[in-house]
Each structure stands twice: as C-alpha cells, then as structure tokens.
Amino acid sequence: MDDAAGNDRSDQDDARRRDAEAVSGTLAGDLRAFDSLIEAYQRRAVAVAYRLLGNINDAMDVCQDAYVRAFRSLESLEDPRKFGSWLMRIVSNLALNYRRDRRPTLSLATGDDERGIGEDALADSSGGASLNEGSMQSNETQDAITAAIERLPEKQRMALILFAIEGIPQKEVAEILECSIEAVKWNVFQARKTLKESLSEFLT
C-alpha cells in the first residue's frame, strides 16, 4: 500500500513537472506546448463539464471556452505545476454559470467508456448501503439520482462530482474548489448522506 501511494505521488510530481515545463514553453511562444496541456486534461475537462451540464455539445462548448480563457490568462497562473487544477476550476465555473443561465437537467447516463455513479458515490464513509443491482438500469432510478444531485448545495454537488464520481484526488478537488481538504471531505460526506436519505427506496 505504501509503495502504491509512493508511486502515485511520484506520478503526480512528474505530471506537475511536465505541466510547469509546458506552461513555460507556452509563455515562450511554443503553441505545441499548450496543445500538450489540453491533450493531458481534455478528457477530464469534458467529463466534468458533461456531469454538470448533461449535454455533450454544451460540455464541449464550455470546454472550448475554458481552453481559450486559460490560454489568454496563462500568465496569471501563480503555480504552473497546478495547471490541471486551475483549468478544472475554470471549466467548473463556466459550467456552473452556464447551468444558471440554462437551468439544464443533470444527466448521469454514461457511455461505455465512462464510469457512472455507483455505490461508492452514494454510500457515506460508514458504508453499508448500495444501489439495488437492477435499479440502476431503470429510467426512474436515473431520474431520481439526477433530481437528488440537483438538489444538493453547490459545493456539495461539485465535491461529489469531482471526487466521488470523476475520481479526482481530494487534494486536487480542494484546489479546484479553493477550499481545504477537510472541507472537501465534509462536503462529500454530507452529499452522500443526503443522497442516501433521498434515494432510500433504491438502496439495499
């Protein structure tokens, strides 16, 4: 376990070092360096935007806007090693603004290569509850999950989506939401607790 954690930290350090080098290259005029940054985070950016907007076309539009804004304001990034968290914050904020304007319905339907909400996202840290195996396939269940997540306070919804659904590390979620790791843990815990209560009829 310790070796795995050490490897994860090493991988994260390597990724942040590459990000810093790419940011430096971009600021020096190498547009290919910025392309490499977008390629590294495009999948995550689109996934987060899609989770918040429920429409892939809207998600793509928001991400394109985020990439442009990131490029134009790259000089303002204080720590180039944190480009990924910085970009996700831009994507999240733009998506939330878009939601306020459009009031869309959040969809949790996923493609074959995307991980949907599962028992880890709905059980609180004490464990013990999971979705009925068959219920995840029903439209009624998907609608109930969508509505329950929609009703969560914004911080709780964002923390849940970023950490429990998209699997982004707590430290990065804290950077994206500009809060402490403890605040992330609290928001995820509260979100899961609320969802367990709201979706009790679907839980075993």
C-alpha atoms as a PDB file:
ATOM      1  CA  MET A   1       0.000   0.000   0.000  1.00  0.00           C
ATOM      2  CA  ASP A   2       2.801   2.378   0.905  1.00  0.00           C
ATOM      3  CA  ASP A   3       4.583   1.573  -2.355  1.00  0.00           C
ATOM      4  CA  ALA A   4       1.414   2.259  -4.320  1.00  0.00           C
ATOM      5  CA  ALA A   5       0.904   5.574  -2.567  1.00  0.00           C
ATOM      6  CA  GLY A   6       4.516   6.467  -3.209  1.00  0.00           C
ATOM      7  CA  ASN A   7       4.151   5.628  -6.879  1.00  0.00           C
ATOM      8  CA  ASP A   8       1.006   7.750  -7.112  1.00  0.00           C
ATOM      9  CA  ARG A   9       2.815  10.709  -5.572  1.00  0.00           C
ATOM     10  CA  SER A  10       5.733  10.198  -7.925  1.00  0.00           C
ATOM     11  CA  ASP A  11       3.403  10.110 -10.930  1.00  0.00           C
ATOM     12  CA  GLN A  12       1.665  13.272  -9.743  1.00  0.00           C
ATOM     13  CA  ASP A  13       5.002  15.010  -9.247  1.00  0.00           C
ATOM     14  CA  ASP A  14       6.091  14.016 -12.748  1.00  0.00           C
ATOM     15  CA  ALA A  15       2.819  15.254 -14.226  1.00  0.00           C
ATOM     16  CA  ARG A  16       3.096  18.574 -12.429  1.00  0.00           C
ATOM     17  CA  ARG A  17       6.663  18.994 -13.570  1.00  0.00           C
ATOM     18  CA  ARG A  18       5.613  18.364 -17.177  1.00  0.00           C
ATOM     19  CA  ASP A  19       2.784  20.861 -16.759  1.00  0.00           C
ATOM     20  CA  ALA A  20       5.171  23.503 -15.460  1.00  0.00           C
ATOM     21  CA  GLU A  21       7.506  22.927 -18.396  1.00  0.00           C
ATOM     22  CA  ALA A  22       4.620  23.120 -20.872  1.00  0.00           C
ATOM     23  CA  VAL A  23       3.326  26.330 -19.295  1.00  0.00           C
ATOM     24  CA  SER A  24       6.803  27.832 -19.542  1.00  0.00           C
ATOM     25  CA  GLY A  25       7.047  26.738 -23.172  1.00  0.00           C
ATOM     26  CA  THR A  26       3.651  28.219 -23.984  1.00  0.00           C
ATOM     27  CA  LEU A  27       4.557  31.553 -22.444  1.00  0.00           C
ATOM     28  CA  ALA A  28       7.737  31.460 -24.543  1.00  0.00           C
ATOM     29  CA  GLY A  29       5.639  31.165 -27.699  1.00  0.00           C
ATOM     30  CA  ASP A  30       5.508  27.400 -28.264  1.00  0.00           C
ATOM     31  CA  LEU A  31       1.843  26.696 -29.052  1.00  0.00           C
ATOM     32  CA  ARG A  32       2.520  22.981 -29.257  1.00  0.00           C
ATOM     33  CA  ALA A  33       3.288  23.079 -25.545  1.00  0.00           C
ATOM     34  CA  PHE A  34      -0.215  24.396 -24.858  1.00  0.00           C
ATOM     35  CA  ASP A  35      -1.677  21.701 -27.105  1.00  0.00           C
ATOM     36  CA  SER A  36       0.048  19.114 -24.913  1.00  0.00           C
ATOM     37  CA  LEU A  37      -1.542  20.641 -21.810  1.00  0.00           C
ATOM     38  CA  ILE A  38      -5.015  20.465 -23.331  1.00  0.00           C
ATOM     39  CA  GLU A  39      -4.458  16.894 -24.508  1.00  0.00           C
ATOM     40  CA  ALA A  40      -3.482  15.894 -20.971  1.00  0.00           C
ATOM     41  CA  TYR A  41      -6.660  17.274 -19.388  1.00  0.00           C
ATOM     42  CA  GLN A  42      -9.227  17.277 -22.200  1.00  0.00           C
ATOM     43  CA  ARG A  43     -10.924  14.032 -21.207  1.00  0.00           C
ATOM     44  CA  ARG A  44     -11.271  15.086 -17.577  1.00  0.00           C
ATOM     45  CA  ALA A  45     -12.464  18.569 -18.519  1.00  0.00           C
ATOM     46  CA  VAL A  46     -15.168  17.245 -20.829  1.00  0.00           C
ATOM     47  CA  ALA A  47     -16.242  14.622 -18.285  1.00  0.00           C
ATOM     48  CA  VAL A  48     -16.648  17.216 -15.529  1.00  0.00           C
ATOM     49  CA  ALA A  49     -18.494  19.648 -17.815  1.00  0.00           C
ATOM     50  CA  TYR A  50     -20.764  16.857 -19.020  1.00  0.00           C
ATOM     51  CA  ARG A  51     -21.600  15.767 -15.488  1.00  0.00           C
ATOM     52  CA  LEU A  52     -22.632  19.326 -14.679  1.00  0.00           C
ATOM     53  CA  LEU A  53     -24.488  20.097 -17.906  1.00  0.00           C
ATOM     54  CA  GLY A  54     -25.909  16.763 -19.014  1.00  0.00           C
ATOM     55  CA  ASN A  55     -25.332  17.547 -22.680  1.00  0.00           C
ATOM     56  CA  ILE A  56     -22.166  16.638 -24.552  1.00  0.00           C
ATOM     57  CA  ASN A  57     -22.446  19.516 -27.040  1.00  0.00           C
ATOM     58  CA  ASP A  58     -22.813  22.062 -24.246  1.00  0.00           C
ATOM     59  CA  ALA A  59     -19.915  20.419 -22.409  1.00  0.00           C
ATOM     60  CA  MET A  60     -17.686  20.676 -25.480  1.00  0.00           C
ATOM     61  CA  ASP A  61     -18.622  24.340 -25.945  1.00  0.00           C
ATOM     62  CA  VAL A  62     -17.845  25.139 -22.310  1.00  0.00           C
ATOM     63  CA  CYS A  63     -14.503  23.349 -22.537  1.00  0.00           C
ATOM     64  CA  GLN A  64     -13.520  25.206 -25.699  1.00  0.00           C
ATOM     65  CA  ASP A  65     -14.311  28.471 -23.937  1.00  0.00           C
ATOM     66  CA  ALA A  66     -12.268  27.311 -20.937  1.00  0.00           C
ATOM     67  CA  TYR A  67      -9.244  26.477 -23.114  1.00  0.00           C
ATOM     68  CA  VAL A  68      -9.332  29.922 -24.710  1.00  0.00           C
ATOM     69  CA  ARG A  69      -9.640  31.639 -21.342  1.00  0.00           C
ATOM     70  CA  ALA A  70      -6.829  29.544 -19.911  1.00  0.00           C
ATOM     71  CA  PHE A  71      -4.558  30.439 -22.806  1.00  0.00           C
ATOM     72  CA  ARG A  72      -5.324  34.153 -22.554  1.00  0.00           C
ATOM     73  CA  SER A  73      -4.789  34.288 -18.796  1.00  0.00           C
ATOM     74  CA  LEU A  74      -1.939  31.801 -18.526  1.00  0.00           C
ATOM     75  CA  GLU A  75       0.435  34.476 -17.264  1.00  0.00           C
ATOM     76  CA  SER A  76      -1.778  34.901 -14.202  1.00  0.00           C
ATOM     77  CA  LEU A  77      -1.229  31.295 -13.103  1.00  0.00           C
ATOM     78  CA  GLU A  78       0.881  31.619  -9.968  1.00  0.00           C
ATOM     79  CA  ASP A  79       1.993  27.982  -9.773  1.00  0.00           C
ATOM     80  CA  PRO A  80       2.440  26.382 -13.237  1.00  0.00           C
ATOM     81  CA  ARG A  81       2.605  22.958 -11.574  1.00  0.00           C
ATOM     82  CA  LYS A  82      -1.094  23.321 -10.722  1.00  0.00           C
ATOM     83  CA  PHE A  83      -2.275  23.947 -14.280  1.00  0.00           C
ATOM     84  CA  GLY A  84      -4.619  20.940 -14.165  1.00  0.00           C
ATOM     85  CA  SER A  85      -6.479  22.094 -11.057  1.00  0.00           C
ATOM     86  CA  TRP A  86      -6.552  25.652 -12.392  1.00  0.00           C
ATOM     87  CA  LEU A  87      -8.062  24.526 -15.694  1.00  0.00           C
ATOM     88  CA  MET A  88     -10.661  22.349 -13.941  1.00  0.00           C
ATOM     89  CA  ARG A  89     -11.661  25.346 -11.838  1.00  0.00           C
ATOM     90  CA  ILE A  90     -12.198  27.392 -14.997  1.00  0.00           C
ATOM     91  CA  VAL A  91     -14.226  24.570 -16.553  1.00  0.00           C
ATOM     92  CA  SER A  92     -16.307  24.098 -13.395  1.00  0.00           C
ATOM     93  CA  ASN A  93     -17.053  27.794 -13.003  1.00  0.00           C
ATOM     94  CA  LEU A  94     -18.030  28.200 -16.658  1.00  0.00           C
ATOM     95  CA  ALA A  95     -20.242  25.117 -16.483  1.00  0.00           C
ATOM     96  CA  LEU A  96     -21.973  26.353 -13.339  1.00  0.00           C
ATOM     97  CA  ASN A  97     -22.545  29.750 -14.939  1.00  0.00           C
ATOM     98  CA  TYR A  98     -23.983  28.001 -17.987  1.00  0.00           C
ATOM     99  CA  ARG A  99     -26.268  25.950 -15.755  1.00  0.00           C
ATOM    100  CA  ARG A 100     -27.598  29.061 -14.050  1.00  0.00           C
ATOM    101  CA  ASP A 101     -28.440  30.589 -17.407  1.00  0.00           C
ATOM    102  CA  ARG A 102     -29.934  27.475 -18.999  1.00  0.00           C
ATOM    103  CA  ARG A 103     -31.196  25.521 -15.969  1.00  0.00           C
ATOM    104  CA  PRO A 104     -30.496  22.161 -17.601  1.00  0.00           C
ATOM    105  CA  THR A 105     -31.264  18.734 -16.197  1.00  0.00           C
ATOM    106  CA  LEU A 106     -28.164  16.938 -14.995  1.00  0.00           C
ATOM    107  CA  SER A 107     -27.821  13.577 -16.733  1.00  0.00           C
ATOM    108  CA  LEU A 108     -25.803  10.747 -15.242  1.00  0.00           C
ATOM    109  CA  ALA A 109     -26.191   8.496 -18.261  1.00  0.00           C
ATOM    110  CA  THR A 110     -22.751   7.341 -19.327  1.00  0.00           C
ATOM    111  CA  GLY A 111     -21.096   5.907 -22.382  1.00  0.00           C
ATOM    112  CA  ASP A 112     -19.323   2.572 -22.469  1.00  0.00           C
ATOM    113  CA  ASP A 113     -16.025   4.197 -21.560  1.00  0.00           C
ATOM    114  CA  GLU A 114     -17.317   6.412 -18.732  1.00  0.00           C
ATOM    115  CA  ARG A 115     -17.800   5.487 -15.086  1.00  0.00           C
ATOM    116  CA  GLY A 116     -21.238   6.372 -13.782  1.00  0.00           C
ATOM    117  CA  ILE A 117     -22.384   6.962 -10.265  1.00  0.00           C
ATOM    118  CA  GLY A 118     -22.190   3.791  -8.212  1.00  0.00           C
ATOM    119  CA  GLU A 119     -22.338   2.573  -4.684  1.00  0.00           C
ATOM    120  CA  ASP A 120     -19.117   4.351  -3.678  1.00  0.00           C
ATOM    121  CA  ALA A 121     -20.691   7.660  -4.647  1.00  0.00           C
ATOM    122  CA  LEU A 122     -23.859   7.016  -2.683  1.00  0.00           C
ATOM    123  CA  ALA A 123     -22.625   5.332   0.490  1.00  0.00           C
ATOM    124  CA  ASP A 124     -21.277   7.555   3.223  1.00  0.00           C
ATOM    125  CA  SER A 125     -17.950   6.821   4.870  1.00  0.00           C
ATOM    126  CA  SER A 126     -19.586   4.420   7.304  1.00  0.00           C
ATOM    127  CA  GLY A 127     -20.623   2.216   4.374  1.00  0.00           C
ATOM    128  CA  GLY A 128     -23.488  -0.217   4.448  1.00  0.00           C
ATOM    129  CA  ALA A 129     -25.756   0.974   1.626  1.00  0.00           C
ATOM    130  CA  SER A 130     -25.620   0.382  -2.073  1.00  0.00           C
ATOM    131  CA  LEU A 131     -27.904   0.649  -5.060  1.00  0.00           C
ATOM    132  CA  ASN A 132     -30.037  -2.339  -5.915  1.00  0.00           C
ATOM    133  CA  GLU A 133     -28.313  -4.081  -8.798  1.00  0.00           C
ATOM    134  CA  GLY A 134     -31.314  -3.882 -11.108  1.00  0.00           C
ATOM    135  CA  SER A 135     -32.455  -0.411 -10.129  1.00  0.00           C
ATOM    136  CA  MET A 136     -29.506   1.355 -11.792  1.00  0.00           C
ATOM    137  CA  GLN A 137     -30.886   0.310 -15.176  1.00  0.00           C
ATOM    138  CA  SER A 138     -34.272   1.992 -14.786  1.00  0.00           C
ATOM    139  CA  ASN A 139     -35.149   5.452 -16.021  1.00  0.00           C
ATOM    140  CA  GLU A 140     -36.911   6.033 -12.727  1.00  0.00           C
ATOM    141  CA  THR A 141     -33.687   5.484 -10.828  1.00  0.00           C
ATOM    142  CA  GLN A 142     -31.652   7.691 -13.145  1.00  0.00           C
ATOM    143  CA  ASP A 143     -34.255  10.451 -12.819  1.00  0.00           C
ATOM    144  CA  ALA A 144     -34.218  10.092  -9.041  1.00  0.00           C
ATOM    145  CA  ILE A 145     -30.405  10.302  -8.917  1.00  0.00           C
ATOM    146  CA  THR A 146     -30.438  13.329 -11.213  1.00  0.00           C
ATOM    147  CA  ALA A 147     -33.043  15.126  -9.138  1.00  0.00           C
ATOM    148  CA  ALA A 148     -31.301  14.282  -5.844  1.00  0.00           C
ATOM    149  CA  ILE A 149     -27.939  15.594  -7.057  1.00  0.00           C
ATOM    150  CA  GLU A 150     -29.616  18.700  -8.468  1.00  0.00           C
ATOM    151  CA  ARG A 151     -30.998  19.500  -5.013  1.00  0.00           C
ATOM    152  CA  LEU A 152     -27.594  19.362  -3.323  1.00  0.00           C
ATOM    153  CA  PRO A 153     -25.950  22.656  -2.326  1.00  0.00           C
ATOM    154  CA  GLU A 154     -23.488  23.771  -4.985  1.00  0.00           C
ATOM    155  CA  LYS A 155     -20.311  22.977  -3.011  1.00  0.00           C
ATOM    156  CA  GLN A 156     -21.575  19.523  -2.066  1.00  0.00           C
ATOM    157  CA  ARG A 157     -22.614  18.777  -5.634  1.00  0.00           C
ATOM    158  CA  MET A 158     -19.264  19.878  -7.022  1.00  0.00           C
ATOM    159  CA  ALA A 159     -17.271  17.937  -4.420  1.00  0.00           C
ATOM    160  CA  LEU A 160     -19.328  14.805  -5.059  1.00  0.00           C
ATOM    161  CA  ILE A 161     -18.997  15.020  -8.851  1.00  0.00           C
ATOM    162  CA  LEU A 162     -15.287  15.789  -8.846  1.00  0.00           C
ATOM    163  CA  PHE A 163     -14.204  13.336  -6.147  1.00  0.00           C
ATOM    164  CA  ALA A 164     -16.756  10.537  -5.863  1.00  0.00           C
ATOM    165  CA  ILE A 165     -17.860  10.330  -9.495  1.00  0.00           C
ATOM    166  CA  GLU A 166     -14.885  11.546 -11.530  1.00  0.00           C
ATOM    167  CA  GLY A 167     -12.280  10.164  -9.114  1.00  0.00           C
ATOM    168  CA  ILE A 168     -10.182  13.322  -8.860  1.00  0.00           C
ATOM    169  CA  PRO A 169      -7.918  13.221  -5.751  1.00  0.00           C
ATOM    170  CA  GLN A 170      -9.147  15.190  -2.741  1.00  0.00           C
ATOM    171  CA  LYS A 171      -6.133  17.497  -2.871  1.00  0.00           C
ATOM    172  CA  GLU A 172      -6.918  18.493  -6.446  1.00  0.00           C
ATOM    173  CA  VAL A 173     -10.617  18.894  -5.659  1.00  0.00           C
ATOM    174  CA  ALA A 174      -9.633  21.229  -2.827  1.00  0.00           C
ATOM    175  CA  GLU A 175      -7.561  23.285  -5.250  1.00  0.00           C
ATOM    176  CA  ILE A 176     -10.383  23.393  -7.802  1.00  0.00           C
ATOM    177  CA  LEU A 177     -12.967  24.448  -5.210  1.00  0.00           C
ATOM    178  CA  GLU A 178     -10.454  26.694  -3.405  1.00  0.00           C
ATOM    179  CA  CYS A 179     -11.106  25.135  -0.021  1.00  0.00           C
ATOM    180  CA  SER A 180      -9.370  22.797   2.423  1.00  0.00           C
ATOM    181  CA  ILE A 181      -9.162  19.039   2.031  1.00  0.00           C
ATOM    182  CA  GLU A 182     -11.235  18.728   5.204  1.00  0.00           C
ATOM    183  CA  ALA A 183     -13.930  20.871   3.579  1.00  0.00           C
ATOM    184  CA  VAL A 184     -13.923  18.546   0.567  1.00  0.00           C
ATOM    185  CA  LYS A 185     -14.314  15.521   2.852  1.00  0.00           C
ATOM    186  CA  TRP A 186     -17.141  17.207   4.737  1.00  0.00           C
ATOM    187  CA  ASN A 187     -18.992  18.214   1.574  1.00  0.00           C
ATOM    188  CA  VAL A 188     -18.672  14.739   0.063  1.00  0.00           C
ATOM    189  CA  PHE A 189     -19.830  13.149   3.328  1.00  0.00           C
ATOM    190  CA  GLN A 190     -22.837  15.464   3.559  1.00  0.00           C
ATOM    191  CA  ALA A 191     -23.705  14.917  -0.099  1.00  0.00           C
ATOM    192  CA  ARG A 192     -23.573  11.139   0.296  1.00  0.00           C
ATOM    193  CA  LYS A 193     -25.627  11.297   3.475  1.00  0.00           C
ATOM    194  CA  THR A 194     -28.294  13.403   1.770  1.00  0.00           C
ATOM    195  CA  LEU A 195     -28.357  11.133  -1.267  1.00  0.00           C
ATOM    196  CA  LYS A 196     -28.750   8.044   0.926  1.00  0.00           C
ATOM    197  CA  GLU A 197     -31.800   9.634   2.527  1.00  0.00           C
ATOM    198  CA  SER A 198     -33.245  10.855  -0.777  1.00  0.00           C
ATOM    199  CA  LEU A 199     -32.666   7.540  -2.560  1.00  0.00           C
ATOM    200  CA  SER A 200     -33.509   5.212   0.320  1.00  0.00           C
ATOM    201  CA  GLU A 201     -36.110   3.287  -1.705  1.00  0.00           C
ATOM    202  CA  PHE A 202     -33.415   2.346  -4.246  1.00  0.00           C
ATOM    203  CA  LEU A 203     -30.872   1.219  -1.649  1.00  0.00           C
ATOM    204  CA  THR A 204     -30.340  -2.202  -0.133  1.00  0.00           C
END
